[in-house]
Protein backbone atom coordinates (compact mmCIF):
# COMPACT_ATOMS: atom_id res chain seq x y z
CA MET A 1 0.11 -0.30 0.16
CA ALA A 2 1.13 3.78 -1.30
CA THR A 3 1.70 6.33 1.84
CA THR A 4 0.22 9.01 1.78
CA GLU A 5 3.39 11.10 0.28
CA GLU A 6 3.92 8.53 -2.37
CA GLU A 7 -0.14 9.62 -3.09
CA ILE A 8 -0.38 13.14 -3.23
CA ARG A 9 2.89 16.47 -4.01
CA TYR A 10 2.35 19.99 -3.37
CA TRP A 11 0.06 21.97 -6.72
CA PRO A 12 1.69 25.73 -6.64
CA ARG A 13 -0.78 26.53 -9.45
CA ILE A 14 -3.59 26.07 -6.78
CA GLY A 15 -1.66 26.59 -3.99
CA MET A 16 -2.70 22.94 -2.84
CA TYR A 17 -2.04 19.53 -1.92
CA VAL A 18 -3.11 17.24 -4.68
CA ASN A 19 -3.35 13.05 -5.56
CA ARG A 20 -3.19 12.08 -9.85
CA LYS A 21 -6.63 12.00 -9.73
CA PHE A 22 -7.95 14.73 -8.10
CA ALA A 23 -4.72 17.17 -10.39
CA ASP A 24 -6.19 14.92 -13.73
CA GLU A 25 -10.02 16.19 -13.20
CA TRP A 26 -9.02 19.42 -12.38
CA ILE A 27 -7.59 19.68 -15.63
CA GLU A 28 -10.41 17.69 -17.31
CA ARG A 29 -12.95 21.04 -15.61
CA LEU A 30 -10.95 23.54 -16.38
CA GLY A 31 -11.62 26.02 -18.85
CA ILE A 32 -8.48 26.87 -21.56
CA THR A 33 -10.47 31.25 -21.31
CA GLY A 34 -11.15 33.55 -19.12
CA ARG A 35 -11.24 36.71 -18.06
CA VAL A 36 -10.82 39.08 -15.27
CA LEU A 37 -10.62 42.54 -13.46
CA ASP A 38 -8.19 44.36 -13.96
CA ASP A 39 -8.65 47.12 -12.29
CA ASP A 40 -6.43 49.40 -13.59
CA ILE A 41 -8.85 50.20 -16.68
CA GLU A 42 -11.17 49.06 -14.38
CA GLU A 43 -12.46 46.15 -17.59
CA PHE A 44 -12.65 42.60 -18.01
CA VAL A 45 -9.07 41.38 -19.80
CA ASP A 46 -8.89 37.80 -21.35
CA VAL A 47 -6.81 35.69 -19.29
CA ASP A 48 -3.42 33.61 -21.43
CA SER A 49 -4.30 30.20 -18.79
CA PRO A 50 -1.26 27.13 -19.42
CA THR A 51 -2.62 24.56 -22.51
CA ALA A 52 -4.38 21.14 -20.79
CA GLU A 53 -1.33 19.93 -22.37
CA GLU A 54 1.40 21.93 -20.55
CA LEU A 55 -1.02 21.26 -16.91
CA GLU A 56 -0.02 18.02 -17.98
CA GLY A 57 3.18 18.27 -18.29
CA GLU A 58 3.00 20.43 -15.18
CA ILE A 59 1.23 17.70 -13.26
CA LYS A 60 3.34 14.26 -14.52
CA GLU A 61 6.49 15.99 -13.83
CA LEU A 62 4.89 17.08 -9.43
CA PHE A 63 4.49 13.69 -9.28
CA GLU A 64 7.96 12.23 -10.69
CA ASN A 65 9.48 13.86 -7.66
CA PRO A 66 10.07 12.88 -4.50
CA PHE A 67 7.11 14.00 -2.07
CA GLU A 68 8.27 17.62 -0.72
CA GLU A 69 6.37 19.98 1.67
CA ALA A 70 4.48 23.06 1.64
CA GLU A 71 2.93 25.13 3.22
CA LEU A 72 -0.46 25.70 2.73
CA SER A 73 -2.13 29.50 2.60
CA THR A 74 -4.59 31.44 4.76
CA GLU A 75 -7.70 30.64 2.29
CA ASN A 76 -5.85 26.78 1.67
CA GLU A 77 -5.75 25.93 4.46
CA ALA A 78 -9.14 28.12 5.60
CA ILE A 79 -11.03 26.13 2.45
CA MET A 80 -9.04 22.57 3.75
CA GLU A 81 -10.94 23.03 7.69
CA LEU A 82 -14.12 23.76 5.46
CA ILE A 83 -14.40 20.92 3.54
CA LYS A 84 -13.46 18.50 6.85
CA PHE A 85 -16.40 20.22 8.44
CA GLU A 86 -18.61 19.13 5.87
CA SER A 87 -16.76 15.44 5.56
CA ASP A 88 -17.59 15.39 9.08
CA LYS A 89 -21.29 16.27 8.95
CA LYS A 90 -22.88 13.01 10.19
CA ALA A 91 -20.71 12.17 12.85
CA PHE A 92 -21.39 15.81 14.17
CA ILE A 93 -24.83 15.59 14.26
CA LEU A 94 -24.42 11.89 15.65
CA SER A 95 -23.24 13.82 18.80
CA LYS A 96 -25.39 16.37 18.94
CA LYS A 97 -27.95 14.43 18.91
CA ASP A 98 -25.93 11.62 21.94
CA GLU A 99 -25.37 15.39 23.73
CA GLY A 100 -29.67 15.52 23.86
CA MET A 101 -30.66 17.52 20.30
CA THR A 102 -33.52 16.57 18.54
CA LEU A 103 -31.90 15.28 14.89
CA ASP A 104 -33.57 18.47 13.21
CA GLU A 105 -31.50 21.24 16.45
CA ALA A 106 -28.79 19.47 15.39
CA LYS A 107 -29.09 19.79 11.91
CA LYS A 108 -29.70 23.21 12.71
CA ALA A 109 -26.47 23.34 15.13
CA TYR A 110 -24.55 21.98 12.43
CA GLU A 111 -25.56 24.74 10.10
CA GLU A 112 -24.74 27.21 12.35
CA THR A 113 -21.48 26.10 13.38
CA LYS A 114 -20.26 26.22 9.34
CA GLY A 115 -22.01 29.21 9.15
CA ASP A 116 -19.37 30.10 11.99
CA LEU A 117 -16.71 29.41 10.28
CA VAL A 118 -17.33 31.12 7.53
CA ARG A 119 -17.59 34.09 9.06
CA GLU A 120 -14.70 33.67 10.56
CA HIS A 121 -12.67 32.78 8.45
CA LEU A 122 -14.45 35.96 5.78
CA ASP A 123 -13.82 37.88 8.88
CA LEU A 124 -17.77 39.23 7.87
CA PRO A 125 -19.67 40.61 11.01
CA GLU A 126 -21.95 37.46 12.77
CA THR A 127 -25.67 37.64 11.62
CA PRO A 128 -28.68 39.11 13.08
CA GLU A 129 -30.09 36.91 15.15
CA GLY A 130 -33.13 34.55 13.68
CA VAL A 131 -31.83 36.25 10.29
CA THR A 132 -30.53 32.93 7.61
CA HIS A 133 -30.44 34.53 4.97
CA ALA A 134 -29.36 38.47 3.53
CA SER A 135 -33.07 37.82 1.92
CA GLN A 136 -34.97 39.25 5.56
CA LEU A 137 -32.48 41.65 6.69
CA ASP A 138 -34.36 44.61 7.09
CA GLU A 139 -33.53 47.77 4.38
CA GLY A 140 -31.12 49.13 7.45
CA ASP A 141 -29.83 46.69 7.93
CA GLU A 142 -27.99 45.96 4.61
CA GLU A 143 -23.86 46.96 4.51
CA GLU A 144 -24.05 50.28 1.44
């Protein structure tokens, strides 16, 4: 059985660790064209993207070389934490039920905790009590 270090590599292009299958799927889904906002001229401009062949070469080289540890950005660490939280959803809900919550209460606690994590990572203010969607905010509560 292969070790984790044999199965994953840090891909600087996306700033995350990937396994070969994920990298190949990412290349398949990747749109070769794109546009970004150029702040200097306040217009969207075309972006030169690498071709699928260039990306496949990059991935081949990554996996031909030995595993190297890399530091994830704060943003990617947040993404990984949220992905882990999502993958542990059932365990979270069952633990809340073990604490005496009903299934509905446990699911609500899960959503509230997930919302707290997202707000923390995006540095957003707390949502007023009882508000679950932006459409519930009064006009005076909305940010300008």
